Amino acid sequence: MDTEKPQEQNQDSSVEESVVSERDRLAAEKAELEDRLLRMRAEFDNARRRFERERSDYLQFAAMDLVRDLLPVLDDFERAMRVETPDREYARGIELIYQRLFEGVKKLGLEPIDTQGKRFDPNLHQAIERVPTEEAEDQSILGEFQRGYQFKGKLLRPAMVKVAVHP
């Protein structure tokens, strides 16, 4: 009988070892699966945030193409308002239509670039003419040929300007 107990203990110990090793394997597998789950959640959250940002950018700048297409119409109205006409009511009508159109695109995010009394900035202005002069500060804007615009802080069209340069 004494010989059976050590054999039983050996069996019990080998069963115990296999159970422990199975438990350790399952614990490692569980930890790996939890890690993969956390990584996938993080990846999903990042993808969701990226999608929301891209969607927001798209919606914010969706009107940009429309506004860009309307810029020549605004230019035409500005030229029409500079022409002298004997019919004051007609001129007033042109001004009202221009103001209404301009206010509409301004609500969408159009911002005119101010050039009056400013220094030339190649990020906002396009120099069409350089005028050698001592009377004005070097690189100051002397005149504007075509108004420039930004759309929600991004350059839509640079202002075409005349720039003073010292000879």
Protein backbone atom coordinates (compact mmCIF):
# COMPACT_ATOMS: atom_id res chain seq x y z
CA MET A 1 0.00 0.00 0.00
CA ASP A 2 2.84 2.29 0.64
CA THR A 3 3.85 2.04 -2.98
CA GLU A 4 0.50 3.29 -4.17
CA LYS A 5 0.70 6.60 -2.31
CA PRO A 6 3.86 7.89 -4.01
CA GLN A 7 2.45 6.87 -7.36
CA GLU A 8 -0.82 8.62 -6.53
CA GLN A 9 1.12 11.67 -5.38
CA ASN A 10 3.07 11.63 -8.65
CA GLN A 11 -0.18 11.46 -10.59
CA ASP A 12 -1.73 14.20 -8.47
CA SER A 13 1.34 16.35 -8.89
CA SER A 14 1.43 15.81 -12.67
CA VAL A 15 -2.29 16.63 -12.92
CA GLU A 16 -1.70 19.67 -10.76
CA GLU A 17 1.20 20.75 -12.99
CA SER A 18 -0.88 20.34 -16.15
CA VAL A 19 -3.74 22.31 -14.59
CA VAL A 20 -1.35 25.07 -13.52
CA SER A 21 0.27 25.19 -16.94
CA GLU A 22 -3.18 25.29 -18.61
CA ARG A 23 -4.22 28.07 -16.23
CA ASP A 24 -1.05 30.04 -17.05
CA ARG A 25 -1.59 29.54 -20.78
CA LEU A 26 -5.20 30.70 -20.52
CA ALA A 27 -4.18 33.71 -18.41
CA ALA A 28 -1.56 34.69 -21.01
CA GLU A 29 -4.10 34.24 -23.81
CA LYS A 30 -6.63 36.34 -21.88
CA ALA A 31 -4.04 39.10 -21.34
CA GLU A 32 -3.17 39.04 -25.06
CA LEU A 33 -6.86 39.24 -26.03
CA GLU A 34 -7.44 42.12 -23.59
CA ASP A 35 -4.44 43.93 -25.06
CA ARG A 36 -5.74 43.39 -28.61
CA LEU A 37 -9.16 44.63 -27.53
CA LEU A 38 -7.69 47.80 -26.02
CA ARG A 39 -5.62 48.42 -29.17
CA MET A 40 -8.63 47.89 -31.42
CA ARG A 41 -10.74 50.26 -29.29
CA ALA A 42 -7.99 52.89 -29.51
CA GLU A 43 -7.70 52.36 -33.26
CA PHE A 44 -11.47 52.65 -33.64
CA ASP A 45 -11.55 55.85 -31.55
CA ASN A 46 -8.74 57.35 -33.64
CA ALA A 47 -10.54 56.44 -36.88
CA ARG A 48 -13.79 57.91 -35.56
CA ARG A 49 -12.03 61.17 -34.54
CA ARG A 50 -10.25 61.36 -37.90
CA PHE A 51 -13.54 60.80 -39.73
CA GLU A 52 -15.27 63.51 -37.66
CA ARG A 53 -12.42 65.96 -38.31
CA GLU A 54 -12.48 65.24 -42.06
CA ARG A 55 -16.27 65.56 -42.10
CA SER A 56 -16.07 68.85 -40.23
CA ASP A 57 -13.41 70.17 -42.62
CA TYR A 58 -15.47 69.07 -45.60
CA LEU A 59 -18.61 70.76 -44.31
CA GLN A 60 -16.70 73.88 -43.31
CA PHE A 61 -15.07 74.27 -46.71
CA ALA A 62 -17.82 72.80 -48.91
CA ALA A 63 -18.96 76.28 -49.91
CA MET A 64 -15.42 77.30 -50.90
CA ASP A 65 -15.80 76.24 -54.54
CA LEU A 66 -19.13 78.03 -54.83
CA VAL A 67 -17.68 81.22 -53.38
CA ARG A 68 -14.62 80.95 -55.67
CA ASP A 69 -16.97 80.72 -58.66
CA LEU A 70 -18.81 83.85 -57.47
CA LEU A 71 -15.66 86.00 -57.21
CA PRO A 72 -15.72 87.05 -60.91
CA VAL A 73 -19.33 88.17 -60.42
CA LEU A 74 -18.28 90.31 -57.45
CA ASP A 75 -15.44 91.75 -59.56
CA ASP A 76 -17.88 92.59 -62.36
CA PHE A 77 -20.19 94.35 -59.92
CA GLU A 78 -17.27 96.37 -58.51
CA ARG A 79 -16.26 97.44 -62.05
CA ALA A 80 -19.87 98.30 -62.88
CA MET A 81 -20.15 100.49 -59.78
CA ARG A 82 -17.06 102.48 -60.86
CA VAL A 83 -18.64 103.41 -64.21
CA GLU A 84 -20.39 106.79 -64.29
CA THR A 85 -24.00 106.62 -65.43
CA PRO A 86 -26.61 109.37 -65.70
CA ASP A 87 -29.31 107.02 -64.37
CA ARG A 88 -28.85 107.26 -60.61
CA GLU A 89 -31.59 104.69 -59.86
CA TYR A 90 -29.86 102.12 -62.07
CA ALA A 91 -26.54 102.73 -60.30
CA ARG A 92 -28.25 102.41 -56.91
CA GLY A 93 -29.82 99.09 -58.00
CA ILE A 94 -26.40 97.74 -59.01
CA GLU A 95 -25.00 98.78 -55.61
CA LEU A 96 -27.84 97.09 -53.73
CA ILE A 97 -27.46 93.83 -55.66
CA TYR A 98 -23.70 93.89 -55.05
CA GLN A 99 -24.14 94.54 -51.32
CA ARG A 100 -26.66 91.73 -51.01
CA LEU A 101 -24.45 89.27 -52.88
CA PHE A 102 -21.35 90.34 -50.93
CA GLU A 103 -23.12 90.01 -47.56
CA GLY A 104 -24.36 86.54 -48.56
CA VAL A 105 -20.90 85.20 -49.39
CA LYS A 106 -19.47 86.97 -46.35
CA LYS A 107 -21.84 84.95 -44.15
CA LEU A 108 -20.45 81.79 -45.76
CA GLY A 109 -16.93 82.80 -44.68
CA LEU A 110 -15.53 85.12 -47.35
CA GLU A 111 -13.16 87.77 -45.98
CA PRO A 112 -11.68 90.52 -48.19
CA ILE A 113 -7.93 91.10 -47.87
CA ASP A 114 -7.20 94.68 -46.85
CA THR A 115 -4.40 96.26 -48.91
CA GLN A 116 -4.84 99.97 -48.18
CA GLY A 117 -1.69 101.27 -46.48
CA LYS A 118 -0.28 97.76 -45.94
CA ARG A 119 3.13 96.29 -46.70
CA PHE A 120 3.44 93.75 -49.47
CA ASP A 121 3.02 90.19 -48.17
CA PRO A 122 3.69 87.46 -50.77
CA ASN A 123 1.39 85.13 -48.81
CA LEU A 124 -1.59 87.45 -49.40
CA HIS A 125 -0.66 89.64 -52.36
CA GLN A 126 0.47 89.17 -55.92
CA ALA A 127 2.65 91.99 -57.24
CA ILE A 128 1.43 92.89 -60.73
CA GLU A 129 3.42 96.10 -61.00
CA ARG A 130 6.53 97.35 -59.23
CA VAL A 131 6.88 101.13 -59.18
CA PRO A 132 10.31 102.63 -58.42
CA THR A 133 9.69 105.57 -56.09
CA GLU A 134 11.29 107.41 -53.18
CA GLU A 135 7.96 108.93 -52.09
CA ALA A 136 6.56 105.74 -50.52
CA GLU A 137 8.04 103.23 -48.13
CA ASP A 138 9.80 100.29 -49.77
CA GLN A 139 7.47 97.29 -50.33
CA SER A 140 4.34 99.29 -49.50
CA ILE A 141 1.21 98.78 -51.57
CA LEU A 142 0.37 101.74 -53.80
CA GLY A 143 -2.80 100.42 -55.39
CA GLU A 144 -5.02 97.42 -55.90
CA PHE A 145 -5.90 96.01 -59.33
CA GLN A 146 -8.07 93.18 -58.05
CA ARG A 147 -9.32 92.51 -54.55
CA GLY A 148 -8.05 89.40 -52.80
CA TYR A 149 -10.05 87.16 -50.51
CA GLN A 150 -9.65 84.61 -47.77
CA PHE A 151 -12.21 81.95 -46.99
CA LYS A 152 -12.47 81.12 -43.29
CA GLY A 153 -8.85 82.10 -42.80
CA LYS A 154 -7.48 80.27 -45.86
CA LEU A 155 -6.27 82.17 -48.91
CA LEU A 156 -8.85 81.93 -51.68
CA ARG A 157 -7.38 84.46 -54.11
CA PRO A 158 -4.40 86.79 -53.59
CA ALA A 159 -4.90 90.53 -54.05
CA MET A 160 -3.30 91.84 -57.24
CA VAL A 161 -1.41 94.97 -56.26
CA LYS A 162 1.00 97.70 -57.31
CA VAL A 163 4.08 97.75 -55.04
CA ALA A 164 6.55 100.57 -54.32
CA VAL A 165 10.25 99.73 -54.57
CA HIS A 166 13.18 101.98 -53.84
CA PRO A 167 15.44 102.37 -56.88
